[in-house]
Amino acid sequence: MKKQKYIINIEIVQTAIEKRTGKRPQKKEIAEKIGVSAQSVSNWRHISVPPIIETLVKLSEISGLSINNFITRKNE
């Protein structure tokens, strides 16, 4: 049985923020707003280190999206 992992599609978060503010934020700016390192944001895309739930909530708050909108299931 394949193990399922979840990744954050940060591009969806960036697009949602851009639609709300008129400016597309860099990953570094998102990292600063939610209190994590830019490297953490990069790691999420590559499934290296999953974010903690508080981080998911912060991403949801700054993007105006439900967490389900930017989480993707990936089979291994």
N, C-alpha and C. Protein backbone atom coordinates (compact mmCIF):
# COMPACT_ATOMS: atom_id res chain seq x y z
N MET A 1 0.83 -1.18 0.00
CA MET A 1 0.00 0.00 0.00
C MET A 1 0.88 1.25 0.00
N LYS A 2 0.57 2.17 -0.89
CA LYS A 2 1.35 3.38 -0.99
C LYS A 2 1.01 4.34 0.15
N LYS A 3 2.04 4.97 0.67
CA LYS A 3 1.86 5.96 1.72
C LYS A 3 1.45 7.28 1.08
N GLN A 4 0.44 7.92 1.65
CA GLN A 4 -0.01 9.20 1.12
C GLN A 4 0.61 10.34 1.94
N LYS A 5 1.04 11.35 1.21
CA LYS A 5 1.56 12.55 1.86
C LYS A 5 0.81 13.73 1.28
N TYR A 6 0.87 14.81 2.00
CA TYR A 6 0.19 16.02 1.58
C TYR A 6 1.22 17.12 1.41
N ILE A 7 1.07 17.90 0.35
CA ILE A 7 1.96 19.02 0.11
C ILE A 7 1.15 20.30 0.03
N ILE A 8 1.80 21.40 0.30
CA ILE A 8 1.17 22.71 0.19
C ILE A 8 1.50 23.26 -1.18
N ASN A 9 0.46 23.65 -1.91
CA ASN A 9 0.66 24.32 -3.19
C ASN A 9 0.73 25.82 -2.90
N ILE A 10 1.93 26.30 -2.67
CA ILE A 10 2.13 27.69 -2.27
C ILE A 10 1.74 28.65 -3.39
N GLU A 11 1.77 28.18 -4.62
CA GLU A 11 1.38 29.03 -5.74
C GLU A 11 -0.10 29.42 -5.65
N ILE A 12 -0.92 28.52 -5.16
CA ILE A 12 -2.34 28.83 -4.97
C ILE A 12 -2.50 29.91 -3.91
N VAL A 13 -1.72 29.81 -2.84
CA VAL A 13 -1.74 30.82 -1.78
C VAL A 13 -1.29 32.17 -2.35
N GLN A 14 -0.21 32.15 -3.14
CA GLN A 14 0.28 33.40 -3.73
C GLN A 14 -0.77 34.04 -4.63
N THR A 15 -1.43 33.24 -5.44
CA THR A 15 -2.46 33.76 -6.35
C THR A 15 -3.64 34.35 -5.58
N ALA A 16 -4.06 33.68 -4.52
CA ALA A 16 -5.18 34.19 -3.72
C ALA A 16 -4.82 35.53 -3.07
N ILE A 17 -3.61 35.64 -2.56
CA ILE A 17 -3.18 36.91 -1.96
C ILE A 17 -3.11 37.99 -3.02
N GLU A 18 -2.60 37.64 -4.19
CA GLU A 18 -2.50 38.60 -5.29
C GLU A 18 -3.88 39.13 -5.69
N LYS A 19 -4.87 38.24 -5.73
CA LYS A 19 -6.23 38.67 -6.08
C LYS A 19 -6.80 39.61 -5.03
N ARG A 20 -6.44 39.40 -3.77
CA ARG A 20 -6.96 40.25 -2.70
C ARG A 20 -6.22 41.57 -2.58
N THR A 21 -4.92 41.56 -2.86
CA THR A 21 -4.12 42.76 -2.61
C THR A 21 -3.64 43.47 -3.87
N GLY A 22 -3.67 42.78 -4.99
CA GLY A 22 -3.17 43.35 -6.23
C GLY A 22 -1.67 43.15 -6.42
N LYS A 23 -1.02 42.49 -5.48
CA LYS A 23 0.42 42.25 -5.56
C LYS A 23 0.69 40.78 -5.22
N ARG A 24 1.47 40.13 -6.09
CA ARG A 24 1.84 38.74 -5.84
C ARG A 24 3.01 38.70 -4.86
N PRO A 25 2.82 38.09 -3.69
CA PRO A 25 3.91 38.05 -2.71
C PRO A 25 4.96 37.00 -3.07
N GLN A 26 6.18 37.27 -2.71
CA GLN A 26 7.24 36.28 -2.85
C GLN A 26 7.10 35.27 -1.72
N LYS A 27 7.67 34.10 -1.91
CA LYS A 27 7.61 33.08 -0.86
C LYS A 27 8.24 33.59 0.43
N LYS A 28 9.29 34.39 0.30
CA LYS A 28 9.95 34.95 1.48
C LYS A 28 8.99 35.85 2.26
N GLU A 29 8.18 36.64 1.55
CA GLU A 29 7.21 37.52 2.22
C GLU A 29 6.15 36.70 2.95
N ILE A 30 5.70 35.64 2.32
CA ILE A 30 4.72 34.76 2.97
C ILE A 30 5.33 34.16 4.22
N ALA A 31 6.56 33.68 4.11
CA ALA A 31 7.24 33.09 5.26
C ALA A 31 7.31 34.07 6.42
N GLU A 32 7.67 35.32 6.12
CA GLU A 32 7.76 36.34 7.17
C GLU A 32 6.41 36.60 7.82
N LYS A 33 5.34 36.64 7.02
CA LYS A 33 4.00 36.91 7.56
C LYS A 33 3.51 35.82 8.50
N ILE A 34 3.92 34.58 8.24
CA ILE A 34 3.42 33.48 9.07
C ILE A 34 4.44 32.99 10.09
N GLY A 35 5.62 33.62 10.10
CA GLY A 35 6.60 33.31 11.13
C GLY A 35 7.41 32.04 10.92
N VAL A 36 7.72 31.72 9.66
CA VAL A 36 8.58 30.57 9.37
C VAL A 36 9.69 31.03 8.44
N SER A 37 10.65 30.17 8.22
CA SER A 37 11.75 30.53 7.32
C SER A 37 11.34 30.32 5.86
N ALA A 38 12.01 31.02 4.98
CA ALA A 38 11.76 30.84 3.54
C ALA A 38 12.10 29.41 3.14
N GLN A 39 13.09 28.82 3.79
CA GLN A 39 13.47 27.43 3.50
C GLN A 39 12.32 26.48 3.84
N SER A 40 11.59 26.76 4.91
CA SER A 40 10.44 25.93 5.28
C SER A 40 9.41 25.93 4.17
N VAL A 41 9.14 27.11 3.62
CA VAL A 41 8.16 27.22 2.53
C VAL A 41 8.62 26.37 1.35
N SER A 42 9.90 26.42 1.02
CA SER A 42 10.43 25.61 -0.08
C SER A 42 10.31 24.12 0.22
N ASN A 43 10.55 23.74 1.45
CA ASN A 43 10.48 22.32 1.83
C ASN A 43 9.08 21.75 1.69
N TRP A 44 8.05 22.56 1.94
CA TRP A 44 6.68 22.05 1.84
C TRP A 44 6.39 21.55 0.44
N ARG A 45 6.85 22.25 -0.55
CA ARG A 45 6.58 21.86 -1.93
C ARG A 45 7.22 20.52 -2.26
N HIS A 46 8.33 20.22 -1.62
CA HIS A 46 9.05 18.99 -1.91
C HIS A 46 8.82 17.91 -0.86
N ILE A 47 7.85 18.12 -0.01
CA ILE A 47 7.43 17.16 1.01
C ILE A 47 8.53 16.85 2.03
N SER A 48 9.55 17.68 2.11
CA SER A 48 10.64 17.39 3.04
C SER A 48 10.18 17.45 4.49
N VAL A 49 9.49 18.52 4.82
CA VAL A 49 9.06 18.74 6.20
C VAL A 49 7.64 19.27 6.18
N PRO A 50 6.68 18.51 6.68
CA PRO A 50 5.31 19.01 6.67
C PRO A 50 5.12 20.15 7.67
N PRO A 51 4.27 21.11 7.35
CA PRO A 51 4.04 22.22 8.28
C PRO A 51 3.15 21.78 9.45
N ILE A 52 3.26 22.50 10.54
CA ILE A 52 2.39 22.22 11.68
C ILE A 52 1.04 22.90 11.43
N ILE A 53 0.03 22.48 12.14
CA ILE A 53 -1.33 22.94 11.89
C ILE A 53 -1.45 24.46 12.06
N GLU A 54 -0.74 25.04 13.01
CA GLU A 54 -0.81 26.49 13.21
C GLU A 54 -0.36 27.23 11.95
N THR A 55 0.62 26.68 11.26
CA THR A 55 1.11 27.29 10.02
C THR A 55 0.05 27.21 8.94
N LEU A 56 -0.64 26.08 8.86
CA LEU A 56 -1.72 25.93 7.88
C LEU A 56 -2.82 26.96 8.14
N VAL A 57 -3.15 27.16 9.39
CA VAL A 57 -4.18 28.13 9.76
C VAL A 57 -3.74 29.54 9.37
N LYS A 58 -2.48 29.88 9.61
CA LYS A 58 -1.97 31.20 9.24
C LYS A 58 -2.01 31.40 7.72
N LEU A 59 -1.63 30.37 6.96
CA LEU A 59 -1.71 30.46 5.50
C LEU A 59 -3.15 30.68 5.05
N SER A 60 -4.07 30.00 5.70
CA SER A 60 -5.48 30.16 5.39
C SER A 60 -5.93 31.59 5.67
N GLU A 61 -5.50 32.13 6.79
CA GLU A 61 -5.90 33.49 7.16
C GLU A 61 -5.36 34.54 6.20
N ILE A 62 -4.09 34.44 5.81
CA ILE A 62 -3.52 35.48 4.95
C ILE A 62 -3.98 35.35 3.49
N SER A 63 -4.41 34.15 3.10
CA SER A 63 -4.84 33.95 1.71
C SER A 63 -6.35 34.07 1.54
N GLY A 64 -7.09 33.91 2.64
CA GLY A 64 -8.55 33.91 2.54
C GLY A 64 -9.10 32.61 1.98
N LEU A 65 -8.28 31.58 1.95
CA LEU A 65 -8.69 30.28 1.41
C LEU A 65 -8.88 29.26 2.52
N SER A 66 -9.73 28.29 2.26
CA SER A 66 -9.82 27.13 3.13
C SER A 66 -8.54 26.31 2.97
N ILE A 67 -8.10 25.67 4.00
CA ILE A 67 -6.90 24.83 3.93
C ILE A 67 -7.02 23.81 2.81
N ASN A 68 -8.19 23.28 2.59
CA ASN A 68 -8.38 22.28 1.53
C ASN A 68 -8.06 22.80 0.15
N ASN A 69 -8.08 24.12 -0.03
CA ASN A 69 -7.80 24.70 -1.34
C ASN A 69 -6.32 24.67 -1.71
N PHE A 70 -5.44 24.59 -0.75
CA PHE A 70 -4.01 24.62 -1.09
C PHE A 70 -3.23 23.40 -0.62
N ILE A 71 -3.92 22.39 -0.15
CA ILE A 71 -3.28 21.13 0.22
C ILE A 71 -3.55 20.13 -0.90
N THR A 72 -2.50 19.45 -1.31
CA THR A 72 -2.61 18.45 -2.36
C THR A 72 -2.14 17.11 -1.83
N ARG A 73 -2.89 16.08 -2.11
CA ARG A 73 -2.51 14.74 -1.72
C ARG A 73 -1.57 14.19 -2.78
N LYS A 74 -0.48 13.58 -2.32
CA LYS A 74 0.49 13.01 -3.24
C LYS A 74 0.79 11.58 -2.81
N ASN A 75 0.60 10.63 -3.70
CA ASN A 75 0.90 9.25 -3.40
C ASN A 75 2.38 8.97 -3.62
N GLU A 76 2.93 8.14 -2.76
CA GLU A 76 4.34 7.75 -2.93
C GLU A 76 4.41 6.30 -3.32
